[in-house]
Amino acid sequence: MSDTVLDVKGLRCPLPVLRANRVLRGLAPGAQLRVLATDRASVADFQAFCRDTGNALLAFSEEAGVFSFLIRRRPSQPGEEGEVGEVAE
């Protein structure tokens, strides 16, 4: 299975994390997302995002000013159907 790639180079905090979150919500549990960013703050931002959301930050690296983050979407939780913060009716 190939990774989904999200290119957010040139965007500054908080946009890289917000865009990644949107893409992750559309992926199947366990799917992987590779994010390419240039904002130095994205290192701390993605670490905190993954810690807070239960997604796994599998790896990150930097080459020539481009940060690459490999994130695995968290497994679905019991009763999880909609997006985070959505109220079921």
N, C-alpha and C. Protein backbone atom coordinates (compact mmCIF):
# COMPACT_ATOMS: atom_id res chain seq x y z
N MET A 1 0.85 -1.18 0.00
CA MET A 1 0.00 0.00 0.00
C MET A 1 0.89 1.23 0.00
N SER A 2 0.57 2.21 -0.83
CA SER A 2 1.37 3.42 -0.88
C SER A 2 0.80 4.46 0.08
N ASP A 3 1.68 5.34 0.53
CA ASP A 3 1.27 6.41 1.43
C ASP A 3 0.54 7.50 0.64
N THR A 4 -0.40 8.14 1.30
CA THR A 4 -0.98 9.36 0.77
C THR A 4 0.00 10.48 1.09
N VAL A 5 0.26 11.37 0.16
CA VAL A 5 1.22 12.45 0.37
C VAL A 5 0.48 13.78 0.37
N LEU A 6 0.79 14.60 1.39
CA LEU A 6 0.23 15.93 1.50
C LEU A 6 1.39 16.92 1.47
N ASP A 7 1.40 17.79 0.47
CA ASP A 7 2.45 18.79 0.32
C ASP A 7 1.94 20.12 0.86
N VAL A 8 2.48 20.54 2.01
CA VAL A 8 2.08 21.81 2.62
C VAL A 8 3.29 22.74 2.72
N LYS A 9 4.25 22.54 1.81
CA LYS A 9 5.43 23.40 1.80
C LYS A 9 5.00 24.84 1.56
N GLY A 10 5.62 25.76 2.31
CA GLY A 10 5.32 27.17 2.19
C GLY A 10 4.22 27.65 3.12
N LEU A 11 3.47 26.73 3.72
CA LEU A 11 2.42 27.12 4.66
C LEU A 11 2.99 27.19 6.07
N ARG A 12 2.46 28.11 6.85
CA ARG A 12 2.95 28.30 8.22
C ARG A 12 1.89 27.85 9.22
N CYS A 13 2.34 27.62 10.43
CA CYS A 13 1.51 27.19 11.55
C CYS A 13 0.27 28.08 11.64
N PRO A 14 -0.88 27.52 11.80
CA PRO A 14 -1.25 26.13 12.07
C PRO A 14 -1.70 25.36 10.84
N LEU A 15 -1.57 25.94 9.65
CA LEU A 15 -2.13 25.33 8.44
C LEU A 15 -1.62 23.93 8.13
N PRO A 16 -0.32 23.60 8.27
CA PRO A 16 0.10 22.23 7.97
C PRO A 16 -0.65 21.18 8.79
N VAL A 17 -0.81 21.42 10.09
CA VAL A 17 -1.50 20.46 10.95
C VAL A 17 -2.99 20.43 10.62
N LEU A 18 -3.59 21.57 10.38
CA LEU A 18 -5.02 21.59 10.05
C LEU A 18 -5.31 20.83 8.76
N ARG A 19 -4.48 21.03 7.76
CA ARG A 19 -4.67 20.32 6.48
C ARG A 19 -4.44 18.82 6.65
N ALA A 20 -3.42 18.46 7.43
CA ALA A 20 -3.14 17.04 7.68
C ALA A 20 -4.31 16.39 8.42
N ASN A 21 -4.86 17.09 9.38
CA ASN A 21 -6.00 16.55 10.13
C ASN A 21 -7.18 16.29 9.21
N ARG A 22 -7.43 17.20 8.29
CA ARG A 22 -8.54 17.03 7.33
C ARG A 22 -8.32 15.78 6.48
N VAL A 23 -7.09 15.60 5.98
CA VAL A 23 -6.80 14.43 5.15
C VAL A 23 -6.90 13.15 5.97
N LEU A 24 -6.34 13.15 7.18
CA LEU A 24 -6.37 11.96 8.03
C LEU A 24 -7.80 11.51 8.33
N ARG A 25 -8.71 12.45 8.55
CA ARG A 25 -10.10 12.09 8.83
C ARG A 25 -10.73 11.32 7.68
N GLY A 26 -10.23 11.55 6.46
CA GLY A 26 -10.77 10.86 5.30
C GLY A 26 -10.11 9.53 4.98
N LEU A 27 -9.06 9.19 5.73
CA LEU A 27 -8.35 7.93 5.51
C LEU A 27 -8.90 6.82 6.39
N ALA A 28 -8.71 5.60 5.96
CA ALA A 28 -9.11 4.45 6.77
C ALA A 28 -8.21 4.33 7.99
N PRO A 29 -8.74 3.81 9.11
CA PRO A 29 -7.90 3.57 10.28
C PRO A 29 -6.68 2.72 9.89
N GLY A 30 -5.52 3.13 10.36
CA GLY A 30 -4.28 2.41 10.06
C GLY A 30 -3.58 2.89 8.80
N ALA A 31 -4.25 3.69 7.98
CA ALA A 31 -3.63 4.22 6.76
C ALA A 31 -2.53 5.22 7.12
N GLN A 32 -1.59 5.41 6.21
CA GLN A 32 -0.47 6.30 6.47
C GLN A 32 -0.53 7.54 5.60
N LEU A 33 -0.11 8.65 6.19
CA LEU A 33 -0.04 9.93 5.51
C LEU A 33 1.38 10.46 5.63
N ARG A 34 1.97 10.85 4.51
CA ARG A 34 3.28 11.52 4.52
C ARG A 34 3.02 13.00 4.26
N VAL A 35 3.52 13.84 5.18
CA VAL A 35 3.34 15.28 5.08
C VAL A 35 4.70 15.92 4.79
N LEU A 36 4.75 16.79 3.80
CA LEU A 36 5.97 17.53 3.45
C LEU A 36 5.74 18.99 3.80
N ALA A 37 6.58 19.54 4.69
CA ALA A 37 6.40 20.90 5.18
C ALA A 37 7.74 21.62 5.24
N THR A 38 7.68 22.95 5.23
CA THR A 38 8.91 23.74 5.34
C THR A 38 8.94 24.59 6.61
N ASP A 39 7.85 24.66 7.34
CA ASP A 39 7.79 25.46 8.56
C ASP A 39 8.50 24.71 9.69
N ARG A 40 9.55 25.31 10.26
CA ARG A 40 10.30 24.66 11.36
C ARG A 40 9.42 24.33 12.55
N ALA A 41 8.40 25.14 12.79
CA ALA A 41 7.49 24.91 13.91
C ALA A 41 6.68 23.63 13.72
N SER A 42 6.63 23.12 12.50
CA SER A 42 5.83 21.92 12.24
C SER A 42 6.35 20.69 12.98
N VAL A 43 7.64 20.67 13.31
CA VAL A 43 8.19 19.52 14.06
C VAL A 43 7.46 19.40 15.40
N ALA A 44 7.46 20.46 16.19
CA ALA A 44 6.77 20.43 17.48
C ALA A 44 5.26 20.30 17.30
N ASP A 45 4.73 20.95 16.26
CA ASP A 45 3.29 20.91 16.02
C ASP A 45 2.81 19.49 15.74
N PHE A 46 3.52 18.76 14.87
CA PHE A 46 3.07 17.40 14.54
C PHE A 46 3.30 16.44 15.70
N GLN A 47 4.34 16.65 16.49
CA GLN A 47 4.53 15.81 17.67
C GLN A 47 3.36 15.98 18.63
N ALA A 48 2.98 17.22 18.90
CA ALA A 48 1.87 17.49 19.81
C ALA A 48 0.55 17.01 19.22
N PHE A 49 0.34 17.24 17.94
CA PHE A 49 -0.89 16.81 17.27
C PHE A 49 -1.08 15.30 17.40
N CYS A 50 -0.03 14.54 17.11
CA CYS A 50 -0.14 13.08 17.19
C CYS A 50 -0.35 12.61 18.62
N ARG A 51 0.35 13.21 19.55
CA ARG A 51 0.20 12.85 20.96
C ARG A 51 -1.25 13.12 21.42
N ASP A 52 -1.80 14.24 21.00
CA ASP A 52 -3.13 14.64 21.46
C ASP A 52 -4.27 13.90 20.76
N THR A 53 -4.05 13.44 19.54
CA THR A 53 -5.13 12.82 18.76
C THR A 53 -5.10 11.30 18.73
N GLY A 54 -3.98 10.71 19.14
CA GLY A 54 -3.87 9.25 19.09
C GLY A 54 -3.36 8.73 17.77
N ASN A 55 -3.06 9.61 16.83
CA ASN A 55 -2.40 9.19 15.60
C ASN A 55 -0.94 8.93 15.93
N ALA A 56 -0.27 8.07 15.16
CA ALA A 56 1.12 7.72 15.44
C ALA A 56 2.07 8.45 14.51
N LEU A 57 3.01 9.18 15.08
CA LEU A 57 4.07 9.80 14.29
C LEU A 57 5.16 8.74 14.16
N LEU A 58 5.19 8.07 13.02
CA LEU A 58 6.09 6.95 12.82
C LEU A 58 7.52 7.39 12.57
N ALA A 59 7.69 8.52 11.87
CA ALA A 59 9.03 9.00 11.54
C ALA A 59 8.94 10.44 11.07
N PHE A 60 10.04 11.16 11.28
CA PHE A 60 10.17 12.46 10.64
C PHE A 60 11.63 12.72 10.36
N SER A 61 11.85 13.48 9.30
CA SER A 61 13.22 13.78 8.88
C SER A 61 13.22 15.16 8.23
N GLU A 62 14.43 15.67 7.99
CA GLU A 62 14.59 16.96 7.34
C GLU A 62 15.69 16.83 6.31
N GLU A 63 15.42 17.33 5.12
CA GLU A 63 16.43 17.33 4.06
C GLU A 63 16.26 18.61 3.24
N ALA A 64 17.30 19.39 3.18
CA ALA A 64 17.32 20.64 2.40
C ALA A 64 16.16 21.57 2.77
N GLY A 65 15.85 21.64 4.07
CA GLY A 65 14.80 22.54 4.53
C GLY A 65 13.39 22.02 4.40
N VAL A 66 13.23 20.78 3.95
CA VAL A 66 11.90 20.18 3.84
C VAL A 66 11.77 19.08 4.90
N PHE A 67 10.75 19.22 5.74
CA PHE A 67 10.47 18.24 6.78
C PHE A 67 9.48 17.22 6.24
N SER A 68 9.75 15.96 6.51
CA SER A 68 8.88 14.88 6.09
C SER A 68 8.37 14.15 7.34
N PHE A 69 7.06 14.04 7.46
CA PHE A 69 6.44 13.38 8.60
C PHE A 69 5.63 12.19 8.09
N LEU A 70 5.81 11.04 8.71
CA LEU A 70 5.01 9.87 8.37
C LEU A 70 4.08 9.59 9.54
N ILE A 71 2.78 9.71 9.28
CA ILE A 71 1.77 9.59 10.32
C ILE A 71 0.84 8.42 9.97
N ARG A 72 0.56 7.58 10.98
CA ARG A 72 -0.42 6.50 10.79
C ARG A 72 -1.70 6.91 11.50
N ARG A 73 -2.81 6.87 10.76
CA ARG A 73 -4.10 7.23 11.35
C ARG A 73 -4.43 6.26 12.47
N ARG A 74 -4.97 6.79 13.52
CA ARG A 74 -5.30 5.96 14.69
C ARG A 74 -6.35 4.93 14.33
N PRO A 75 -6.35 3.82 15.07
CA PRO A 75 -7.42 2.84 14.88
C PRO A 75 -8.75 3.48 15.25
N SER A 76 -9.82 3.02 14.65
CA SER A 76 -11.12 3.59 15.00
C SER A 76 -11.44 3.22 16.45
N GLN A 77 -12.14 4.09 17.09
CA GLN A 77 -12.53 3.90 18.48
C GLN A 77 -13.94 3.33 18.51
N PRO A 78 -14.29 2.55 19.55
CA PRO A 78 -15.66 2.04 19.65
C PRO A 78 -16.66 3.17 19.61
N GLY A 79 -17.66 3.05 18.76
CA GLY A 79 -18.70 4.06 18.66
C GLY A 79 -18.34 5.25 17.80
N GLU A 80 -17.13 5.25 17.24
CA GLU A 80 -16.70 6.38 16.42
C GLU A 80 -17.34 6.27 15.04
N GLU A 81 -18.10 7.32 14.68
CA GLU A 81 -18.70 7.33 13.35
C GLU A 81 -18.42 8.60 12.61
N GLY A 82 -18.56 9.73 13.26
CA GLY A 82 -18.38 11.01 12.59
C GLY A 82 -17.03 11.61 12.91
N GLU A 83 -16.90 12.86 12.58
CA GLU A 83 -15.66 13.59 12.83
C GLU A 83 -15.58 13.97 14.31
N VAL A 84 -14.38 14.27 14.75
CA VAL A 84 -14.17 14.68 16.13
C VAL A 84 -15.00 15.93 16.40
N GLY A 85 -15.69 15.94 17.53
CA GLY A 85 -16.49 17.10 17.90
C GLY A 85 -17.90 17.07 17.34
N GLU A 86 -18.20 16.08 16.54
CA GLU A 86 -19.53 15.99 15.94
C GLU A 86 -20.47 15.31 16.93
N VAL A 87 -21.67 15.82 17.05
CA VAL A 87 -22.64 15.26 17.97
C VAL A 87 -23.61 14.40 17.19
N ALA A 88 -23.77 13.16 17.63
CA ALA A 88 -24.72 12.25 16.97
C ALA A 88 -26.12 12.61 17.39
N GLU A 89 -27.06 12.54 16.46
CA GLU A 89 -28.45 12.87 16.78
C GLU A 89 -29.27 11.63 16.85
